[in-house]
Amino acid sequence: MDTITLKQLRYFEALAREAHFGRAADACAISQPALSVQIKELEISLGLALFERGPRHVRLTAFGEEFGQRAQTILRAVDELGDLARAATAGLGGRLRIGIIPTIAPYLLPRLIADLARRHPDLDIHIRETVTSRLIAELQAGKIDTAILALPISDPSLTEIDLFTEDLVLIRPIGDRDLPAPDQAALRDMRLLLLEEGHCFRDQTLSFCNLGGSRPREGLDGTSLSTLVQMVGAGIGVTLIPEMAIDVETKAAPVHIARFQKPRPTRTVGMVWRKSNPLADQLTQLSGIVRACAAPT
């Protein structure tokens, strides 16, 4: 078998991820014919097909699936060699890939990025915003260095650090401002607006309302907290948002903010990274900066 190159493995990974030659070529910043040649040479070297090619799709073969798992392990190990060199230098510098969930990103990132740019001008920050399950998968695959999300994750391969705990508050129409905050039983009878499936904040809301895996009747699934708050302002129902989102999301909507009686619903925000990551000391340093940026001003 001919030598397999790291370049070929990265092209393979891109095509496996994108399932489209054009998009994979764009992701790798090369032409589509050049990508096709490299993939074909890799398959010839292996003596087996990695992809099923159709007129409108590209799919991994059974061998391609198994090969992909090994390729990811190799590429992650190579990336960690670079991280090992970076870890030998003091302080934060170089490329840093941070994942963050959508119910934290808009409220924390502006302050965090500005602070990092001021403190560490040599830091090359890459942000990835998506839901928790995808962040964990990308973290384990070595595609991001750390993730900021709601804890716990409870994965033995990951280090977790608590950053802060915040209250969840009720957002209701402005006409309800003189009413007392409902308890959990009363909340279950309201039209509760939720984020769509996949958001951990949806699960936290359902848990507080003791709704388990069910959802309220006649509800509405939104893609963002902003959408939900605007729907509340239109009189469609009520929703819960984290305390950090209050200033941003309630400015332009006729809504009332109600705080629950104790015990209040809360969420714990933290950072996670692979225990094998050589940048553990730098990421611990970063966690302190994130914590400071999240503190009330």
Protein backbone atom coordinates (compact mmCIF):
# COMPACT_ATOMS: atom_id res chain seq x y z
CA MET A 1 0.00 0.00 0.00
CA ASP A 2 1.29 3.46 -0.92
CA THR A 3 1.85 6.07 1.76
CA ILE A 4 -1.29 7.79 3.06
CA THR A 5 -0.76 11.50 3.63
CA LEU A 6 -2.26 13.75 6.31
CA LYS A 7 -3.54 15.96 3.52
CA GLN A 8 -5.54 13.06 2.13
CA LEU A 9 -6.95 12.30 5.57
CA ARG A 10 -8.08 15.90 6.00
CA TYR A 11 -9.69 15.87 2.56
CA PHE A 12 -11.40 12.59 3.42
CA GLU A 13 -12.69 14.05 6.68
CA ALA A 14 -14.08 17.10 4.90
CA LEU A 15 -15.90 15.00 2.29
CA ALA A 16 -17.26 12.64 4.95
CA ARG A 17 -18.57 15.65 6.89
CA GLU A 18 -20.02 17.61 3.97
CA ALA A 19 -21.23 14.63 1.88
CA HIS A 20 -20.70 16.85 -1.18
CA PHE A 21 -17.57 17.31 -3.30
CA GLY A 22 -18.15 21.00 -3.95
CA ARG A 23 -18.73 21.94 -0.29
CA ALA A 24 -15.82 19.77 0.84
CA ALA A 25 -13.53 21.42 -1.70
CA ASP A 26 -14.61 24.87 -0.49
CA ALA A 27 -13.95 23.84 3.12
CA CYS A 28 -10.45 22.70 2.14
CA ALA A 29 -9.81 25.78 -0.05
CA ILE A 30 -8.97 23.69 -3.14
CA SER A 31 -10.72 23.00 -6.43
CA GLN A 32 -13.27 20.22 -6.70
CA PRO A 33 -11.24 18.27 -9.31
CA ALA A 34 -8.16 18.42 -7.05
CA LEU A 35 -10.17 17.05 -4.14
CA SER A 36 -11.61 14.26 -6.31
CA VAL A 37 -8.11 13.25 -7.44
CA GLN A 38 -6.82 13.08 -3.87
CA ILE A 39 -9.78 10.99 -2.70
CA LYS A 40 -9.42 8.64 -5.66
CA GLU A 41 -5.70 8.23 -4.99
CA LEU A 42 -6.46 7.45 -1.36
CA GLU A 43 -8.98 4.77 -2.39
CA ILE A 44 -6.49 3.26 -4.88
CA SER A 45 -3.85 3.19 -2.18
CA LEU A 46 -6.25 1.39 0.19
CA GLY A 47 -7.61 -0.93 -2.48
CA LEU A 48 -11.19 -0.26 -1.33
CA ALA A 49 -13.87 2.36 -1.97
CA LEU A 50 -14.45 4.88 0.81
CA PHE A 51 -17.52 6.55 -0.71
CA GLU A 52 -20.62 5.62 -2.66
CA ARG A 53 -21.01 8.21 -5.39
CA GLY A 54 -24.45 9.03 -6.73
CA PRO A 55 -25.72 11.82 -8.98
CA ARG A 56 -26.89 13.84 -5.99
CA HIS A 57 -25.19 12.31 -2.98
CA VAL A 58 -21.95 11.03 -1.55
CA ARG A 59 -22.12 8.43 1.20
CA LEU A 60 -19.51 6.55 3.18
CA THR A 61 -19.21 2.84 2.49
CA ALA A 62 -19.10 0.43 5.43
CA PHE A 63 -15.32 0.43 5.12
CA GLY A 64 -15.37 4.22 4.87
CA GLU A 65 -17.23 4.44 8.20
CA GLU A 66 -14.59 2.33 9.94
CA PHE A 67 -11.75 4.14 8.18
CA GLY A 68 -13.25 7.47 9.25
CA GLN A 69 -13.11 6.56 12.93
CA ARG A 70 -9.40 5.71 12.67
CA ALA A 71 -8.71 8.82 10.58
CA GLN A 72 -10.33 11.06 13.20
CA THR A 73 -8.14 9.55 15.90
CA ILE A 74 -5.01 10.17 13.83
CA LEU A 75 -5.93 13.75 12.95
CA ARG A 76 -6.82 14.57 16.56
CA ALA A 77 -3.46 13.19 17.71
CA VAL A 78 -1.65 15.31 15.11
CA ASP A 79 -3.54 18.41 16.22
CA GLU A 80 -2.63 17.69 19.82
CA LEU A 81 1.06 17.59 18.88
CA GLY A 82 0.69 21.21 17.84
CA ASP A 83 -1.19 21.95 21.06
CA LEU A 84 1.66 20.33 23.00
CA ALA A 85 4.10 22.84 21.52
CA ARG A 86 1.73 25.72 22.32
CA ALA A 87 1.33 24.44 25.86
CA ALA A 88 5.08 24.77 26.38
CA THR A 89 4.75 28.54 26.09
CA ALA A 90 3.29 30.60 28.91
CA GLY A 91 -0.08 32.29 28.50
CA LEU A 92 -2.74 32.24 25.84
CA GLY A 93 -1.70 32.51 22.20
CA GLY A 94 -2.17 30.98 18.78
CA ARG A 95 -5.39 29.40 17.54
CA LEU A 96 -8.14 28.74 20.08
CA ARG A 97 -11.37 27.06 18.97
CA ILE A 98 -14.24 27.76 21.36
CA GLY A 99 -17.67 26.16 21.12
CA ILE A 100 -20.67 27.78 22.79
CA ILE A 101 -24.39 27.07 22.99
CA PRO A 102 -26.92 29.56 21.51
CA THR A 103 -28.51 30.44 24.88
CA ILE A 104 -25.14 31.77 26.10
CA ALA A 105 -23.37 33.05 22.97
CA PRO A 106 -25.16 36.37 22.30
CA TYR A 107 -24.93 37.49 25.92
CA LEU A 108 -21.38 36.46 26.81
CA LEU A 109 -19.36 36.56 23.59
CA PRO A 110 -19.25 40.35 22.98
CA ARG A 111 -17.60 41.00 26.34
CA LEU A 112 -15.46 37.87 26.22
CA ILE A 113 -14.01 38.47 22.75
CA ALA A 114 -13.32 42.12 23.50
CA ASP A 115 -11.56 41.18 26.73
CA LEU A 116 -9.49 38.45 25.09
CA ALA A 117 -8.48 40.78 22.26
CA ARG A 118 -7.29 43.33 24.81
CA ARG A 119 -5.48 40.89 27.10
CA HIS A 120 -4.12 38.49 24.46
CA PRO A 121 -3.78 40.23 21.06
CA ASP A 122 -1.88 37.25 19.62
CA LEU A 123 -4.81 34.91 20.26
CA ASP A 124 -6.55 33.65 17.10
CA ILE A 125 -10.12 32.96 18.25
CA HIS A 126 -12.46 30.69 16.30
CA ILE A 127 -16.07 30.48 17.53
CA ARG A 128 -18.47 27.60 16.89
CA GLU A 129 -22.09 28.15 18.03
CA THR A 130 -24.38 25.12 18.11
CA VAL A 131 -26.32 22.87 20.49
CA THR A 132 -24.72 20.84 23.26
CA SER A 133 -24.81 17.43 21.60
CA ARG A 134 -22.94 18.70 18.53
CA LEU A 135 -20.39 20.58 20.64
CA ILE A 136 -19.59 17.44 22.64
CA ALA A 137 -19.20 15.39 19.45
CA GLU A 138 -16.91 18.04 17.92
CA LEU A 139 -14.94 18.33 21.16
CA GLN A 140 -14.32 14.59 21.27
CA ALA A 141 -13.36 14.61 17.58
CA GLY A 142 -10.79 17.35 18.23
CA LYS A 143 -12.59 19.93 16.08
CA ILE A 144 -12.84 22.43 18.95
CA ASP A 145 -10.61 22.95 21.99
CA THR A 146 -13.23 23.79 24.60
CA ALA A 147 -16.96 24.42 24.96
CA ILE A 148 -18.98 26.81 27.10
CA LEU A 149 -22.34 25.27 27.94
CA ALA A 150 -24.74 24.23 30.68
CA LEU A 151 -23.47 21.61 33.13
CA PRO A 152 -23.37 18.80 34.02
CA ILE A 153 -22.12 16.84 31.02
CA SER A 154 -20.85 13.88 33.08
CA ASP A 155 -18.50 12.46 30.48
CA PRO A 156 -15.44 10.76 32.05
CA SER A 157 -13.24 11.79 29.11
CA LEU A 158 -13.91 15.49 29.72
CA THR A 159 -12.79 18.01 32.33
CA GLU A 160 -15.64 20.19 33.64
CA ILE A 161 -15.20 23.54 35.40
CA ASP A 162 -18.12 25.45 36.91
CA LEU A 163 -18.13 29.12 35.92
CA PHE A 164 -21.31 30.51 37.49
CA THR A 165 -24.92 29.73 38.34
CA GLU A 166 -27.78 31.95 37.27
CA ASP A 167 -31.54 32.13 37.80
CA LEU A 168 -34.13 31.41 35.14
CA VAL A 169 -36.87 34.04 35.00
CA LEU A 170 -40.41 34.07 33.65
CA ILE A 171 -41.22 36.33 30.70
CA ARG A 172 -44.94 37.10 30.40
CA PRO A 173 -47.11 39.73 28.67
CA ILE A 174 -46.90 43.22 30.12
CA GLY A 175 -50.59 43.02 31.04
CA ASP A 176 -49.75 40.37 33.65
CA ARG A 177 -47.26 42.58 35.51
CA ASP A 178 -49.48 42.99 38.58
CA LEU A 179 -50.07 39.24 38.99
CA PRO A 180 -47.94 37.17 41.38
CA ALA A 181 -45.35 34.87 39.82
CA PRO A 182 -46.94 31.48 39.15
CA ASP A 183 -45.72 28.34 40.88
CA GLN A 184 -44.78 25.18 38.99
CA ALA A 185 -48.31 23.80 39.05
CA ALA A 186 -49.79 27.01 37.61
CA LEU A 187 -47.05 27.22 35.00
CA ARG A 188 -47.96 23.78 33.66
CA ASP A 189 -51.42 25.10 32.77
CA MET A 190 -50.06 28.07 30.80
CA ARG A 191 -49.14 28.19 27.14
CA LEU A 192 -45.41 27.69 27.56
CA LEU A 193 -43.22 28.63 24.61
CA LEU A 194 -40.07 26.53 24.23
CA LEU A 195 -36.92 26.31 22.18
CA GLU A 196 -36.96 23.59 19.56
CA GLU A 197 -35.72 20.06 20.21
CA GLY A 198 -31.97 19.75 20.74
CA HIS A 199 -31.53 22.76 23.02
CA CYS A 200 -30.59 21.84 26.57
CA PHE A 201 -32.41 24.96 27.80
CA ARG A 202 -35.66 23.40 26.56
CA ASP A 203 -35.00 20.35 28.73
CA GLN A 204 -34.21 22.54 31.76
CA THR A 205 -37.51 24.39 31.32
CA LEU A 206 -39.51 21.19 31.00
CA SER A 207 -37.76 19.76 34.06
CA PHE A 208 -38.62 22.79 36.21
CA CYS A 209 -42.25 22.55 35.14
CA ASN A 210 -42.28 18.80 35.91
CA LEU A 211 -43.35 18.09 32.35
CA GLY A 212 -40.80 15.32 31.78
CA GLY A 213 -40.36 14.57 28.11
CA SER A 214 -43.74 15.98 27.18
CA ARG A 215 -44.53 19.45 25.99
CA PRO A 216 -47.44 21.82 26.64
CA ARG A 217 -50.40 21.68 24.30
CA GLU A 218 -50.70 24.40 21.68
CA GLY A 219 -47.12 25.44 22.29
CA LEU A 220 -44.63 27.00 19.93
CA ASP A 221 -41.08 25.84 19.31
CA GLY A 222 -38.67 28.69 18.60
CA THR A 223 -35.16 28.69 17.23
CA SER A 224 -33.96 31.43 19.60
CA LEU A 225 -34.80 33.11 22.89
CA SER A 226 -35.38 36.32 20.94
CA THR A 227 -38.19 34.69 18.96
CA LEU A 228 -39.82 33.37 22.12
CA VAL A 229 -39.71 36.75 23.89
CA GLN A 230 -41.23 38.49 20.87
CA MET A 231 -44.02 35.91 20.81
CA VAL A 232 -44.69 36.58 24.49
CA GLY A 233 -44.86 40.30 23.68
CA ALA A 234 -47.48 39.49 21.05
CA GLY A 235 -49.59 37.80 23.75
CA ILE A 236 -49.12 34.23 22.55
CA GLY A 237 -47.89 32.73 25.83
CA VAL A 238 -45.09 32.80 28.40
CA THR A 239 -41.51 31.58 28.39
CA LEU A 240 -38.43 31.20 30.57
CA ILE A 241 -35.05 32.77 29.81
CA PRO A 242 -31.72 32.80 31.67
CA GLU A 243 -30.89 35.89 33.70
CA MET A 244 -27.97 36.82 31.41
CA ALA A 245 -30.42 37.25 28.51
CA ILE A 246 -32.74 39.77 30.21
CA ASP A 247 -31.07 43.02 29.12
CA VAL A 248 -30.67 41.97 25.49
CA GLU A 249 -33.98 40.21 24.88
CA THR A 250 -36.52 42.34 26.77
CA LYS A 251 -35.56 45.81 25.50
CA ALA A 252 -37.76 45.78 22.42
CA ALA A 253 -40.72 43.71 23.59
CA PRO A 254 -43.73 44.65 25.78
CA VAL A 255 -43.09 41.97 28.38
CA HIS A 256 -42.84 41.67 32.15
CA ILE A 257 -40.02 39.88 34.00
CA ALA A 258 -41.18 37.79 36.95
CA ARG A 259 -38.89 36.01 39.37
CA PHE A 260 -40.01 32.74 40.90
CA GLN A 261 -40.24 32.10 44.61
CA LYS A 262 -37.60 29.85 46.15
CA PRO A 263 -36.49 27.31 45.22
CA ARG A 264 -35.89 29.17 41.97
CA PRO A 265 -34.96 27.36 38.75
CA THR A 266 -31.28 27.82 37.92
CA ARG A 267 -28.67 26.61 35.49
CA THR A 268 -24.94 26.16 35.96
CA VAL A 269 -22.73 27.38 33.13
CA GLY A 270 -19.28 25.88 32.74
CA MET A 271 -16.42 24.97 30.44
CA VAL A 272 -15.42 21.51 29.28
CA TRP A 273 -12.43 20.15 27.38
CA ARG A 274 -10.79 16.81 26.67
CA LYS A 275 -8.70 15.51 29.56
CA SER A 276 -6.02 14.61 27.00
CA ASN A 277 -5.77 18.20 25.73
CA PRO A 278 -2.23 19.55 26.36
CA LEU A 279 -3.71 23.05 26.65
CA ALA A 280 -5.36 22.28 30.00
CA ASP A 281 -3.42 25.00 31.84
CA GLN A 282 -4.26 27.62 29.22
CA LEU A 283 -7.92 26.57 29.21
CA THR A 284 -8.03 26.83 32.99
CA GLN A 285 -6.65 30.36 32.61
CA LEU A 286 -9.33 31.06 30.00
CA SER A 287 -12.05 29.85 32.39
CA GLY A 288 -11.08 32.56 34.84
CA ILE A 289 -11.43 35.21 32.11
CA VAL A 290 -14.85 33.84 31.10
CA ARG A 291 -16.00 33.87 34.72
CA ALA A 292 -14.94 37.49 35.13
CA CYS A 293 -16.68 38.54 31.90
CA ALA A 294 -19.92 36.90 33.03
CA ALA A 295 -19.93 38.69 36.40
CA PRO A 296 -22.58 41.45 36.77
CA THR A 297 -21.21 44.92 36.09
